[in-house]
N, C-alpha and C. Protein backbone atom coordinates (compact mmCIF):
# COMPACT_ATOMS: atom_id res chain seq x y z
N UNK A 1 71.83 119.19 230.50
CA UNK A 1 73.18 119.36 230.01
C UNK A 1 73.73 120.68 230.54
N UNK A 2 74.99 120.64 230.95
CA UNK A 2 75.68 121.82 231.47
C UNK A 2 76.97 122.02 230.68
N UNK A 3 77.25 123.28 230.36
CA UNK A 3 78.46 123.58 229.58
C UNK A 3 79.13 124.82 230.16
N UNK A 4 80.45 124.86 230.04
CA UNK A 4 81.21 126.00 230.54
C UNK A 4 82.50 126.14 229.75
N UNK A 5 83.04 127.34 229.81
CA UNK A 5 84.33 127.63 229.18
C UNK A 5 85.26 128.17 230.26
N UNK A 6 86.43 127.57 230.32
CA UNK A 6 87.48 127.98 231.25
C UNK A 6 88.53 128.74 230.44
N UNK A 7 88.85 129.95 230.86
CA UNK A 7 89.87 130.76 230.18
C UNK A 7 91.11 130.77 231.07
N UNK A 8 92.23 130.33 230.50
CA UNK A 8 93.49 130.23 231.24
C UNK A 8 94.52 131.17 230.63
N UNK A 9 94.97 132.15 231.40
CA UNK A 9 96.02 133.07 230.98
C UNK A 9 97.35 132.50 231.47
N UNK A 10 98.28 132.26 230.55
CA UNK A 10 99.53 131.58 230.88
C UNK A 10 100.75 132.41 230.55
N UNK A 11 101.79 132.21 231.35
CA UNK A 11 103.14 132.65 230.98
C UNK A 11 103.95 131.38 230.85
N UNK A 12 104.63 131.26 229.74
CA UNK A 12 105.44 130.07 229.47
C UNK A 12 106.86 130.39 229.92
N UNK A 13 107.28 129.75 230.98
CA UNK A 13 108.51 130.13 231.69
C UNK A 13 109.78 130.07 230.84
N UNK A 14 110.02 128.98 230.13
CA UNK A 14 111.29 128.79 229.44
C UNK A 14 111.25 129.10 227.95
N UNK A 15 110.17 129.67 227.47
CA UNK A 15 110.07 129.98 226.04
C UNK A 15 110.96 131.17 225.71
N UNK A 16 111.75 131.00 224.66
CA UNK A 16 112.61 132.09 224.18
C UNK A 16 112.28 132.46 222.74
N UNK A 17 111.30 131.76 222.18
CA UNK A 17 110.89 132.02 220.79
C UNK A 17 109.47 131.50 220.60
N UNK A 18 108.87 131.87 219.48
CA UNK A 18 107.53 131.34 219.16
C UNK A 18 107.57 129.83 218.97
N UNK A 19 108.68 129.32 218.48
CA UNK A 19 108.82 127.86 218.30
C UNK A 19 108.78 127.15 219.66
N UNK A 20 109.51 127.70 220.65
CA UNK A 20 109.47 127.14 222.01
C UNK A 20 108.05 127.17 222.55
N UNK A 21 107.39 128.30 222.36
CA UNK A 21 106.02 128.44 222.85
C UNK A 21 105.10 127.42 222.20
N UNK A 22 105.19 127.27 220.89
CA UNK A 22 104.32 126.34 220.17
C UNK A 22 104.47 124.91 220.68
N UNK A 23 105.69 124.52 221.01
CA UNK A 23 105.93 123.17 221.54
C UNK A 23 105.18 122.97 222.85
N UNK A 24 105.26 123.94 223.74
CA UNK A 24 104.60 123.83 225.04
C UNK A 24 103.08 123.86 224.86
N UNK A 25 102.58 124.81 224.07
CA UNK A 25 101.13 124.94 223.88
C UNK A 25 100.56 123.68 223.23
N UNK A 26 101.25 123.16 222.23
CA UNK A 26 100.77 121.93 221.57
C UNK A 26 100.72 120.77 222.56
N UNK A 27 101.72 120.65 223.39
CA UNK A 27 101.75 119.60 224.41
C UNK A 27 100.61 119.75 225.40
N UNK A 28 100.39 120.96 225.89
CA UNK A 28 99.33 121.23 226.86
C UNK A 28 97.96 120.95 226.26
N UNK A 29 97.72 121.46 225.06
CA UNK A 29 96.42 121.28 224.41
C UNK A 29 96.12 119.79 224.22
N UNK A 30 97.06 119.05 223.71
CA UNK A 30 96.86 117.62 223.49
C UNK A 30 96.64 116.87 224.79
N UNK A 31 97.42 117.18 225.80
CA UNK A 31 97.30 116.48 227.08
C UNK A 31 95.94 116.76 227.74
N UNK A 32 95.53 118.03 227.76
CA UNK A 32 94.23 118.36 228.37
C UNK A 32 93.08 117.67 227.64
N UNK A 33 93.13 117.69 226.32
CA UNK A 33 92.05 117.08 225.53
C UNK A 33 91.97 115.58 225.79
N UNK A 34 93.11 114.92 225.82
CA UNK A 34 93.13 113.46 226.05
C UNK A 34 92.75 113.09 227.48
N UNK A 35 93.28 113.80 228.44
CA UNK A 35 93.12 113.45 229.85
C UNK A 35 91.74 113.79 230.40
N UNK A 36 91.22 114.95 230.01
CA UNK A 36 89.98 115.43 230.62
C UNK A 36 88.78 115.43 229.67
N UNK A 37 88.95 114.98 228.44
CA UNK A 37 87.87 114.94 227.45
C UNK A 37 87.21 116.31 227.29
N UNK A 38 88.04 117.33 227.06
CA UNK A 38 87.58 118.70 226.84
C UNK A 38 88.10 119.17 225.48
N UNK A 39 87.51 120.25 225.00
CA UNK A 39 88.01 120.89 223.78
C UNK A 39 88.89 122.05 224.21
N UNK A 40 90.05 122.19 223.57
CA UNK A 40 91.02 123.22 223.96
C UNK A 40 91.54 123.93 222.73
N UNK A 41 91.68 125.26 222.83
CA UNK A 41 92.25 126.04 221.74
C UNK A 41 93.00 127.23 222.31
N UNK A 42 94.05 127.64 221.61
CA UNK A 42 94.73 128.89 221.95
C UNK A 42 93.88 130.02 221.40
N UNK A 43 93.46 130.95 222.26
CA UNK A 43 92.50 131.97 221.84
C UNK A 43 93.02 133.40 221.89
N UNK A 44 94.22 133.60 222.40
CA UNK A 44 94.78 134.96 222.45
C UNK A 44 96.29 134.88 222.64
N UNK A 45 96.96 135.98 222.36
CA UNK A 45 98.41 136.13 222.51
C UNK A 45 99.20 135.21 221.57
N UNK A 46 98.66 134.91 220.40
CA UNK A 46 99.35 134.03 219.47
C UNK A 46 100.69 134.61 219.01
N UNK A 47 100.85 135.92 219.03
CA UNK A 47 102.06 136.55 218.52
C UNK A 47 103.13 136.81 219.60
N UNK A 48 102.84 136.46 220.84
CA UNK A 48 103.81 136.66 221.93
C UNK A 48 104.48 135.33 222.26
N UNK A 49 105.79 135.33 222.42
CA UNK A 49 106.53 134.08 222.61
C UNK A 49 106.48 133.54 224.04
N UNK A 50 106.09 134.36 225.01
CA UNK A 50 106.08 133.86 226.39
C UNK A 50 104.70 133.90 227.04
N UNK A 51 103.66 134.20 226.26
CA UNK A 51 102.29 134.27 226.78
C UNK A 51 101.37 133.44 225.91
N UNK A 52 100.32 132.93 226.52
CA UNK A 52 99.27 132.22 225.78
C UNK A 52 97.98 132.31 226.59
N UNK A 53 96.89 132.30 225.89
CA UNK A 53 95.58 132.20 226.53
C UNK A 53 94.88 131.01 225.91
N UNK A 54 94.45 130.08 226.76
CA UNK A 54 93.76 128.89 226.29
C UNK A 54 92.30 128.97 226.69
N UNK A 55 91.44 128.53 225.78
CA UNK A 55 90.03 128.35 226.08
C UNK A 55 89.77 126.86 226.18
N UNK A 56 89.14 126.44 227.27
CA UNK A 56 88.84 125.03 227.51
C UNK A 56 87.33 124.90 227.65
N UNK A 57 86.71 124.17 226.74
CA UNK A 57 85.26 123.97 226.78
C UNK A 57 84.94 122.58 227.28
N UNK A 58 83.95 122.51 228.16
CA UNK A 58 83.54 121.22 228.73
C UNK A 58 82.02 121.14 228.80
N UNK A 59 81.52 119.93 228.63
CA UNK A 59 80.09 119.64 228.72
C UNK A 59 79.91 118.43 229.62
N UNK A 60 78.89 118.47 230.48
CA UNK A 60 78.61 117.35 231.37
C UNK A 60 77.11 117.29 231.67
N UNK A 61 76.63 116.11 232.04
CA UNK A 61 75.20 115.99 232.33
C UNK A 61 74.78 116.68 233.63
N UNK A 62 75.68 116.76 234.61
CA UNK A 62 75.37 117.43 235.88
C UNK A 62 76.35 118.56 236.13
N UNK A 63 75.86 119.60 236.80
CA UNK A 63 76.71 120.76 237.11
C UNK A 63 77.89 120.36 237.99
N UNK A 64 77.67 119.45 238.93
CA UNK A 64 78.75 119.04 239.84
C UNK A 64 79.88 118.34 239.06
N UNK A 65 79.51 117.55 238.07
CA UNK A 65 80.52 116.88 237.26
C UNK A 65 81.30 117.90 236.43
N UNK A 66 80.61 118.88 235.89
CA UNK A 66 81.27 119.94 235.13
C UNK A 66 82.25 120.70 236.02
N UNK A 67 81.84 121.03 237.23
CA UNK A 67 82.73 121.73 238.15
C UNK A 67 83.96 120.91 238.48
N UNK A 68 83.81 119.59 238.65
CA UNK A 68 84.96 118.71 238.92
C UNK A 68 85.94 118.71 237.76
N UNK A 69 85.42 118.66 236.54
CA UNK A 69 86.29 118.67 235.35
C UNK A 69 87.09 119.96 235.30
N UNK A 70 86.41 121.09 235.44
CA UNK A 70 87.10 122.38 235.36
C UNK A 70 88.11 122.55 236.48
N UNK A 71 87.76 122.11 237.68
CA UNK A 71 88.68 122.19 238.81
C UNK A 71 89.91 121.31 238.56
N UNK A 72 89.70 120.14 237.99
CA UNK A 72 90.82 119.24 237.69
C UNK A 72 91.75 119.83 236.64
N UNK A 73 91.18 120.45 235.61
CA UNK A 73 91.99 121.10 234.57
C UNK A 73 92.82 122.22 235.19
N UNK A 74 92.19 123.06 235.99
CA UNK A 74 92.91 124.16 236.63
C UNK A 74 94.01 123.64 237.55
N UNK A 75 93.72 122.62 238.33
CA UNK A 75 94.72 122.03 239.22
C UNK A 75 95.91 121.47 238.46
N UNK A 76 95.62 120.81 237.34
CA UNK A 76 96.70 120.27 236.51
C UNK A 76 97.58 121.40 235.98
N UNK A 77 96.97 122.49 235.55
CA UNK A 77 97.75 123.60 235.01
C UNK A 77 98.59 124.28 236.10
N UNK A 78 98.04 124.39 237.29
CA UNK A 78 98.80 124.99 238.40
C UNK A 78 100.00 124.13 238.80
N UNK A 79 99.90 122.83 238.60
CA UNK A 79 100.98 121.91 238.98
C UNK A 79 102.13 121.87 237.98
N UNK A 80 101.90 122.36 236.79
CA UNK A 80 102.96 122.32 235.76
C UNK A 80 104.07 123.31 236.11
N UNK A 81 105.31 122.87 235.98
CA UNK A 81 106.45 123.73 236.31
C UNK A 81 106.86 124.62 235.15
N UNK A 82 106.47 124.26 233.93
CA UNK A 82 106.89 125.04 232.77
C UNK A 82 105.94 126.19 232.46
N UNK A 83 104.87 126.31 233.27
CA UNK A 83 103.85 127.32 233.02
C UNK A 83 103.52 128.04 234.32
N UNK A 84 103.33 129.35 234.23
CA UNK A 84 102.80 130.13 235.34
C UNK A 84 101.38 130.52 234.97
N UNK A 85 100.43 130.20 235.82
CA UNK A 85 99.03 130.52 235.58
C UNK A 85 98.79 131.94 236.08
N UNK A 86 98.55 132.87 235.16
CA UNK A 86 98.37 134.27 235.50
C UNK A 86 96.93 134.63 235.81
N UNK A 87 95.99 133.93 235.21
CA UNK A 87 94.59 134.23 235.45
C UNK A 87 93.69 133.10 235.01
N UNK A 88 92.56 132.99 235.69
CA UNK A 88 91.57 131.95 235.40
C UNK A 88 90.19 132.58 235.48
N UNK A 89 89.35 132.30 234.50
CA UNK A 89 87.96 132.72 234.58
C UNK A 89 87.08 131.63 233.98
N UNK A 90 85.86 131.55 234.48
CA UNK A 90 84.91 130.54 234.03
C UNK A 90 83.64 131.24 233.57
N UNK A 91 83.13 130.82 232.42
CA UNK A 91 81.85 131.30 231.92
C UNK A 91 80.95 130.09 231.74
N UNK A 92 79.86 130.06 232.48
CA UNK A 92 78.88 128.99 232.32
C UNK A 92 77.91 129.38 231.23
N UNK A 93 77.62 128.44 230.36
CA UNK A 93 76.71 128.69 229.27
C UNK A 93 75.30 128.29 229.68
N UNK A 94 74.37 129.18 229.44
CA UNK A 94 72.98 128.91 229.80
C UNK A 94 72.32 128.11 228.69
N UNK A 95 71.52 127.13 229.08
CA UNK A 95 70.78 126.39 228.08
C UNK A 95 69.50 127.17 227.74
N UNK A 96 69.10 127.14 226.47
CA UNK A 96 67.90 127.88 226.08
C UNK A 96 66.65 127.31 226.75
N UNK A 97 65.71 128.19 227.05
CA UNK A 97 64.48 127.74 227.71
C UNK A 97 63.41 127.37 226.72
């Protein structure tokens, strides 16, 4: 089993309030979870109306499959016009020996 966490730093282009931001974040979280079978949560910048940080957790039986999932999630986020991707980092979780 292989597991990793993808951290996505976002700027929400058209948000002018926390309500605008929540609409976009809720849409993104739901879409990623449904489309890629990953767990997603907003993990930072909850109090800023134009920024968000999402944590995306994925598990797969092979490392190559895990890498494809994370790459697909990142590609989807880069293609969105309502979001600017400011930063991406990946942390692979080690399985206990």
